[in-house]
PDB file of N, CA and C in Angstrom:
ATOM      1  N   MET A   1       0.670  -1.069   0.081  1.00  0.00           N
ATOM      2  CA  MET A   1      -0.063   0.061  -0.200  1.00  0.00           C
ATOM      3  C   MET A   1       1.018   1.245  -0.182  1.00  0.00           C
ATOM      4  N   GLN A   2       0.548   2.450  -0.794  1.00  0.00           N
ATOM      5  CA  GLN A   2       1.209   3.749  -0.555  1.00  0.00           C
ATOM      6  C   GLN A   2       1.215   4.280   0.503  1.00  0.00           C
ATOM      7  N   LYS A   3       2.125   5.028   0.669  1.00  0.00           N
ATOM      8  CA  LYS A   3       2.073   5.689   1.951  1.00  0.00           C
ATOM      9  C   LYS A   3       1.801   7.111   1.610  1.00  0.00           C
ATOM     10  N   SER A   4       1.227   7.608   2.303  1.00  0.00           N
ATOM     11  CA  SER A   4       1.077   9.218   2.589  1.00  0.00           C
ATOM     12  C   SER A   4       1.867   9.916   2.052  1.00  0.00           C
ATOM     13  N   ASN A   5       2.028  10.686   1.010  1.00  0.00           N
ATOM     14  CA  ASN A   5       3.011  11.720   0.216  1.00  0.00           C
ATOM     15  C   ASN A   5       2.460  13.080   0.063  1.00  0.00           C
ATOM     16  N   PRO A   6       2.735  14.237   0.402  1.00  0.00           N
ATOM     17  CA  PRO A   6       2.429  15.289   0.034  1.00  0.00           C
ATOM     18  C   PRO A   6       2.691  15.827  -1.192  1.00  0.00           C
ATOM     19  N   LYS A   7       3.345  15.201  -1.750  1.00  0.00           N
ATOM     20  CA  LYS A   7       3.705  15.534  -3.272  1.00  0.00           C
ATOM     21  C   LYS A   7       2.724  14.757  -3.823  1.00  0.00           C
ATOM     22  N   HIS A   8       2.488  13.461  -3.621  1.00  0.00           N
ATOM     23  CA  HIS A   8       1.819  12.863  -4.517  1.00  0.00           C
ATOM     24  C   HIS A   8       0.788  12.298  -3.599  1.00  0.00           C
ATOM     25  N   PRO A   9      -0.400  12.573  -3.809  1.00  0.00           N
ATOM     26  CA  PRO A   9      -1.580  12.482  -2.833  1.00  0.00           C
ATOM     27  C   PRO A   9      -1.775  11.158  -3.247  1.00  0.00           C
ATOM     28  N   LEU A  10      -2.708  10.233  -2.508  1.00  0.00           N
ATOM     29  CA  LEU A  10      -3.240   8.935  -2.867  1.00  0.00           C
ATOM     30  C   LEU A  10      -4.452   8.948  -3.630  1.00  0.00           C
ATOM     31  N   ARG A  11      -4.619   8.442  -4.737  1.00  0.00           N
ATOM     32  CA  ARG A  11      -5.594   8.576  -5.521  1.00  0.00           C
ATOM     33  C   ARG A  11      -7.193   7.853  -5.005  1.00  0.00           C
ATOM     34  N   PRO A  12      -8.017   8.275  -5.007  1.00  0.00           N
ATOM     35  CA  PRO A  12      -9.564   7.736  -4.453  1.00  0.00           C
ATOM     36  C   PRO A  12      -9.797   6.305  -4.910  1.00  0.00           C
ATOM     37  N   ARG A  13     -10.421   5.756  -4.154  1.00  0.00           N
ATOM     38  CA  ARG A  13     -10.522   4.267  -4.446  1.00  0.00           C
ATOM     39  C   ARG A  13     -11.201   4.271  -5.880  1.00  0.00           C
ATOM     40  N   GLN A  14     -11.324   3.084  -6.260  1.00  0.00           N
ATOM     41  CA  GLN A  14     -12.342   2.768  -7.223  1.00  0.00           C
ATOM     42  C   GLN A  14     -13.353   2.378  -7.301  1.00  0.00           C
ATOM     43  N   LYS A  15     -14.452   2.386  -7.771  1.00  0.00           N
ATOM     44  CA  LYS A  15     -15.907   1.555  -7.286  1.00  0.00           C
ATOM     45  C   LYS A  15     -15.817   0.516  -8.124  1.00  0.00           C
ATOM     46  N   GLN A  16     -15.947  -0.716  -7.885  1.00  0.00           N
ATOM     47  CA  GLN A  16     -15.863  -1.906  -8.465  1.00  0.00           C
ATOM     48  C   GLN A  16     -17.265  -2.495  -8.501  1.00  0.00           C
ATOM     49  N   ASN A  17     -18.191  -2.873  -9.170  1.00  0.00           N
ATOM     50  CA  ASN A  17     -19.302  -3.655  -8.963  1.00  0.00           C
ATOM     51  C   ASN A  17     -18.852  -5.397  -8.949  1.00  0.00           C
ATOM     52  N   LYS A  18     -20.163  -5.649  -8.290  1.00  0.00           N
ATOM     53  CA  LYS A  18     -19.487  -6.909  -7.854  1.00  0.00           C
ATOM     54  C   LYS A  18     -20.063  -7.944  -9.129  1.00  0.00           C
ATOM     55  N   PRO A  19     -19.613  -8.924  -9.080  1.00  0.00           N
ATOM     56  CA  PRO A  19     -19.974 -10.330 -10.219  1.00  0.00           C
ATOM     57  C   PRO A  19     -21.137 -10.332 -10.217  1.00  0.00           C
ATOM     58  N   GLY A  20     -21.660 -10.885 -11.403  1.00  0.00           N
ATOM     59  CA  GLY A  20     -22.965 -11.570 -11.328  1.00  0.00           C
ATOM     60  C   GLY A  20     -24.127 -10.669 -11.334  1.00  0.00           C
ATOM     61  N   GLU A  21     -23.690  -9.681 -12.173  1.00  0.00           N
ATOM     62  CA  GLU A  21     -24.745  -8.496 -12.414  1.00  0.00           C
ATOM     63  C   GLU A  21     -25.258  -8.070 -13.630  1.00  0.00           C
ATOM     64  N   GLU A  22     -25.813  -9.401 -13.901  1.00  0.00           N
ATOM     65  CA  GLU A  22     -26.048  -9.164 -15.664  1.00  0.00           C
ATOM     66  C   GLU A  22     -27.475  -8.974 -15.615  1.00  0.00           C
ATOM     67  N   GLY A  23     -28.515  -8.850 -14.876  1.00  0.00           N
ATOM     68  CA  GLY A  23     -29.773  -8.205 -14.791  1.00  0.00           C
ATOM     69  C   GLY A  23     -29.461  -6.817 -15.038  1.00  0.00           C
ATOM     70  N   LYS A  24     -28.548  -6.009 -14.771  1.00  0.00           N
ATOM     71  CA  LYS A  24     -28.761  -4.789 -14.941  1.00  0.00           C
ATOM     72  C   LYS A  24     -28.318  -4.544 -16.292  1.00  0.00           C
ATOM     73  N   MET A  25     -27.790  -5.329 -17.195  1.00  0.00           N
ATOM     74  CA  MET A  25     -27.205  -5.207 -18.249  1.00  0.00           C
ATOM     75  C   MET A  25     -28.185  -4.825 -19.591  1.00  0.00           C
ATOM     76  N   LYS A  26     -27.817  -3.871 -20.047  1.00  0.00           N
ATOM     77  CA  LYS A  26     -28.623  -3.632 -21.457  1.00  0.00           C
ATOM     78  C   LYS A  26     -27.948  -3.727 -22.988  1.00  0.00           C
ATOM     79  N   PRO A  27     -28.392  -4.309 -23.715  1.00  0.00           N
ATOM     80  CA  PRO A  27     -29.265  -5.994 -23.588  1.00  0.00           C
ATOM     81  C   PRO A  27     -29.080  -6.772 -22.680  1.00  0.00           C
ATOM     82  N   LEU A  28     -29.672  -7.474 -22.355  1.00  0.00           N
ATOM     83  CA  LEU A  28     -29.283  -8.451 -21.783  1.00  0.00           C
ATOM     84  C   LEU A  28     -28.721  -9.916 -22.031  1.00  0.00           C
ATOM     85  N   PRO A  29     -27.858 -10.317 -21.844  1.00  0.00           N
ATOM     86  CA  PRO A  29     -26.481 -11.317 -22.184  1.00  0.00           C
ATOM     87  C   PRO A  29     -27.724 -12.642 -22.547  1.00  0.00           C
ATOM     88  N   VAL A  30     -27.468 -13.087 -23.611  1.00  0.00           N
ATOM     89  CA  VAL A  30     -27.692 -14.558 -24.234  1.00  0.00           C
ATOM     90  C   VAL A  30     -27.234 -15.683 -23.302  1.00  0.00           C
ATOM     91  N   PHE A  31     -27.770 -16.331 -22.928  1.00  0.00           N
ATOM     92  CA  PHE A  31     -27.122 -17.552 -22.074  1.00  0.00           C
ATOM     93  C   PHE A  31     -27.699 -18.626 -22.975  1.00  0.00           C
ATOM     94  N   ASP A  32     -28.777 -18.426 -24.012  1.00  0.00           N
ATOM     95  CA  ASP A  32     -29.312 -19.986 -24.556  1.00  0.00           C
ATOM     96  C   ASP A  32     -29.401 -19.844 -25.599  1.00  0.00           C
ATOM     97  N   TYR A  33     -29.479 -20.890 -26.551  1.00  0.00           N
ATOM     98  CA  TYR A  33     -29.868 -20.730 -27.943  1.00  0.00           C
ATOM     99  C   TYR A  33     -30.748 -21.430 -28.121  1.00  0.00           C
ATOM    100  N   PRO A  34     -32.318 -21.088 -28.082  1.00  0.00           N
ATOM    101  CA  PRO A  34     -33.121 -22.043 -28.044  1.00  0.00           C
ATOM    102  C   PRO A  34     -33.720 -23.004 -28.953  1.00  0.00           C
ATOM    103  N   LYS A  35     -33.050 -22.907 -30.448  1.00  0.00           N
ATOM    104  CA  LYS A  35     -33.006 -23.453 -31.458  1.00  0.00           C
ATOM    105  C   LYS A  35     -32.186 -24.625 -31.511  1.00  0.00           C
ATOM    106  N   SER A  36     -31.401 -24.787 -30.326  1.00  0.00           N
ATOM    107  CA  SER A  36     -30.256 -26.492 -29.939  1.00  0.00           C
ATOM    108  C   SER A  36     -30.963 -27.222 -29.265  1.00  0.00           C
ATOM    109  N   ASP A  37     -30.941 -28.403 -29.554  1.00  0.00           N
ATOM    110  CA  ASP A  37     -31.269 -29.346 -28.904  1.00  0.00           C
ATOM    111  C   ASP A  37     -29.991 -30.177 -28.064  1.00  0.00           C
ATOM    112  N   GLY A  38     -28.927 -30.199 -28.648  1.00  0.00           N
ATOM    113  CA  GLY A  38     -28.079 -30.654 -28.176  1.00  0.00           C
ATOM    114  C   GLY A  38     -27.678 -32.036 -29.081  1.00  0.00           C
ATOM    115  N   SER A  39     -26.606 -32.544 -28.661  1.00  0.00           N
ATOM    116  CA  SER A  39     -26.729 -34.071 -29.412  1.00  0.00           C
ATOM    117  C   SER A  39     -26.562 -35.351 -28.493  1.00  0.00           C
ATOM    118  N   GLY A  40     -26.247 -34.903 -26.965  1.00  0.00           N
ATOM    119  CA  GLY A  40     -27.077 -35.905 -26.279  1.00  0.00           C
ATOM    120  C   GLY A  40     -25.364 -36.449 -25.731  1.00  0.00           C
ATOM    121  N   ARG A  41     -24.213 -36.275 -26.432  1.00  0.00           N
ATOM    122  CA  ARG A  41     -22.845 -36.305 -25.872  1.00  0.00           C
ATOM    123  C   ARG A  41     -22.403 -36.787 -24.413  1.00  0.00           C
ATOM    124  N   LEU A  42     -23.242 -36.078 -23.592  1.00  0.00           N
ATOM    125  CA  LEU A  42     -23.204 -36.120 -22.056  1.00  0.00           C
ATOM    126  C   LEU A  42     -24.154 -36.903 -21.559  1.00  0.00           C
ATOM    127  N   GLN A  43     -24.969 -37.645 -22.246  1.00  0.00           N
ATOM    128  CA  GLN A  43     -25.795 -38.655 -21.399  1.00  0.00           C
ATOM    129  C   GLN A  43     -25.430 -39.291 -20.381  1.00  0.00           C
ATOM    130  N   ASN A  44     -26.162 -39.703 -19.359  1.00  0.00           N
ATOM    131  CA  ASN A  44     -25.252 -40.389 -18.212  1.00  0.00           C
ATOM    132  C   ASN A  44     -24.149 -39.937 -17.703  1.00  0.00           C
ATOM    133  N   LYS A  45     -23.738 -38.578 -17.871  1.00  0.00           N
ATOM    134  CA  LYS A  45     -22.631 -38.039 -17.163  1.00  0.00           C
ATOM    135  C   LYS A  45     -22.699 -37.277 -16.297  1.00  0.00           C
ATOM    136  N   ILE A  46     -21.968 -36.784 -15.163  1.00  0.00           N
ATOM    137  CA  ILE A  46     -22.751 -36.175 -14.104  1.00  0.00           C
ATOM    138  C   ILE A  46     -21.332 -34.693 -14.209  1.00  0.00           C
ATOM    139  N   ALA A  47     -22.024 -33.658 -13.998  1.00  0.00           N
ATOM    140  CA  ALA A  47     -21.331 -32.337 -14.052  1.00  0.00           C
ATOM    141  C   ALA A  47     -21.127 -31.745 -12.920  1.00  0.00           C
ATOM    142  N   PHE A  48     -19.969 -31.366 -12.340  1.00  0.00           N
ATOM    143  CA  PHE A  48     -20.211 -30.567 -11.411  1.00  0.00           C
ATOM    144  C   PHE A  48     -19.841 -28.868 -11.722  1.00  0.00           C
ATOM    145  N   ILE A  49     -20.608 -28.016 -11.742  1.00  0.00           N
ATOM    146  CA  ILE A  49     -19.789 -26.611 -12.198  1.00  0.00           C
ATOM    147  C   ILE A  49     -20.288 -25.816 -10.858  1.00  0.00           C
ATOM    148  N   THR A  50     -18.965 -25.091 -11.041  1.00  0.00           N
ATOM    149  CA  THR A  50     -18.941 -23.816  -9.613  1.00  0.00           C
ATOM    150  C   THR A  50     -19.610 -22.580 -10.550  1.00  0.00           C
ATOM    151  N   GLY A  51     -20.025 -21.627 -10.239  1.00  0.00           N
ATOM    152  CA  GLY A  51     -20.478 -20.603 -10.510  1.00  0.00           C
ATOM    153  C   GLY A  51     -21.624 -20.357 -11.597  1.00  0.00           C
ATOM    154  N   GLY A  52     -22.104 -21.307 -11.708  1.00  0.00           N
ATOM    155  CA  GLY A  52     -23.493 -21.941 -12.054  1.00  0.00           C
ATOM    156  C   GLY A  52     -24.686 -21.338 -12.368  1.00  0.00           C
ATOM    157  N   ASP A  53     -24.589 -20.270 -11.360  1.00  0.00           N
ATOM    158  CA  ASP A  53     -25.501 -18.929 -11.581  1.00  0.00           C
ATOM    159  C   ASP A  53     -25.610 -17.919 -12.152  1.00  0.00           C
ATOM    160  N   SER A  54     -24.213 -17.799 -12.930  1.00  0.00           N
ATOM    161  CA  SER A  54     -24.162 -16.244 -13.909  1.00  0.00           C
ATOM    162  C   SER A  54     -23.158 -16.290 -14.865  1.00  0.00           C
ATOM    163  N   GLY A  55     -22.878 -15.589 -15.608  1.00  0.00           N
ATOM    164  CA  GLY A  55     -21.900 -15.717 -16.403  1.00  0.00           C
ATOM    165  C   GLY A  55     -21.386 -17.027 -17.148  1.00  0.00           C
ATOM    166  N   ILE A  56     -20.081 -17.266 -17.292  1.00  0.00           N
ATOM    167  CA  ILE A  56     -19.883 -18.059 -18.077  1.00  0.00           C
ATOM    168  C   ILE A  56     -20.101 -19.323 -17.507  1.00  0.00           C
ATOM    169  N   GLY A  57     -20.232 -19.759 -15.878  1.00  0.00           N
ATOM    170  CA  GLY A  57     -20.540 -21.081 -15.514  1.00  0.00           C
ATOM    171  C   GLY A  57     -22.278 -21.445 -15.808  1.00  0.00           C
ATOM    172  N   LYS A  58     -23.052 -20.083 -15.986  1.00  0.00           N
ATOM    173  CA  LYS A  58     -24.299 -20.623 -16.116  1.00  0.00           C
ATOM    174  C   LYS A  58     -24.175 -20.849 -17.696  1.00  0.00           C
ATOM    175  N   ALA A  59     -23.859 -20.355 -18.439  1.00  0.00           N
ATOM    176  CA  ALA A  59     -23.581 -20.762 -19.901  1.00  0.00           C
ATOM    177  C   ALA A  59     -23.274 -21.981 -20.177  1.00  0.00           C
ATOM    178  N   VAL A  60     -22.074 -22.229 -19.463  1.00  0.00           N
ATOM    179  CA  VAL A  60     -22.010 -23.742 -19.548  1.00  0.00           C
ATOM    180  C   VAL A  60     -22.863 -24.880 -19.067  1.00  0.00           C
ATOM    181  N   ALA A  61     -23.807 -24.713 -17.718  1.00  0.00           N
ATOM    182  CA  ALA A  61     -24.684 -25.239 -17.084  1.00  0.00           C
ATOM    183  C   ALA A  61     -25.833 -25.410 -17.954  1.00  0.00           C
ATOM    184  N   ILE A  62     -26.125 -24.497 -18.991  1.00  0.00           N
ATOM    185  CA  ILE A  62     -27.247 -24.531 -19.559  1.00  0.00           C
ATOM    186  C   ILE A  62     -26.624 -25.511 -20.797  1.00  0.00           C
ATOM    187  N   LEU A  63     -25.695 -25.800 -21.256  1.00  0.00           N
ATOM    188  CA  LEU A  63     -25.137 -26.080 -22.590  1.00  0.00           C
ATOM    189  C   LEU A  63     -24.782 -27.754 -22.044  1.00  0.00           C
ATOM    190  N   PHE A  64     -24.171 -27.866 -20.810  1.00  0.00           N
ATOM    191  CA  PHE A  64     -24.045 -29.166 -20.478  1.00  0.00           C
ATOM    192  C   PHE A  64     -25.600 -30.139 -20.205  1.00  0.00           C
ATOM    193  N   ALA A  65     -26.598 -29.242 -19.975  1.00  0.00           N
ATOM    194  CA  ALA A  65     -27.844 -30.013 -19.435  1.00  0.00           C
ATOM    195  C   ALA A  65     -28.475 -30.072 -20.729  1.00  0.00           C
ATOM    196  N   LYS A  66     -27.898 -29.353 -21.575  1.00  0.00           N
ATOM    197  CA  LYS A  66     -29.056 -29.628 -23.208  1.00  0.00           C
ATOM    198  C   LYS A  66     -28.458 -30.998 -24.072  1.00  0.00           C
ATOM    199  N   GLU A  67     -26.757 -31.137 -23.509  1.00  0.00           N
ATOM    200  CA  GLU A  67     -25.835 -32.283 -23.999  1.00  0.00           C
ATOM    201  C   GLU A  67     -26.634 -33.347 -22.873  1.00  0.00           C
ATOM    202  N   GLY A  68     -27.478 -33.501 -22.032  1.00  0.00           N
ATOM    203  CA  GLY A  68     -27.731 -34.722 -21.297  1.00  0.00           C
ATOM    204  C   GLY A  68     -26.752 -34.693 -20.009  1.00  0.00           C
ATOM    205  N   ALA A  69     -26.277 -34.009 -19.791  1.00  0.00           N
ATOM    206  CA  ALA A  69     -25.418 -34.302 -18.500  1.00  0.00           C
ATOM    207  C   ALA A  69     -26.336 -33.759 -16.912  1.00  0.00           C
ATOM    208  N   ASP A  70     -26.028 -34.659 -15.914  1.00  0.00           N
ATOM    209  CA  ASP A  70     -26.991 -34.274 -14.693  1.00  0.00           C
ATOM    210  C   ASP A  70     -26.336 -33.570 -14.222  1.00  0.00           C
ATOM    211  N   ILE A  71     -26.673 -32.379 -13.885  1.00  0.00           N
ATOM    212  CA  ILE A  71     -25.848 -30.944 -13.449  1.00  0.00           C
ATOM    213  C   ILE A  71     -26.047 -30.754 -11.463  1.00  0.00           C
TER     214      ILE A  71
END
């Protein structure tokens, strides 16, 4: 951390948003392609996906489920 120096004052902290705020985005991000039914390549497989509630994790969870995996 930078020490206080009268010649070079500290910059103010940046406001950073928390991850997973897709609902505030305009237009909303697309996680699903409704015309795709999947090929069944993950049929009878189990997938453990972390972060499946938003972002890339959500897109992967939806895709794996369409391919037949148990999420």
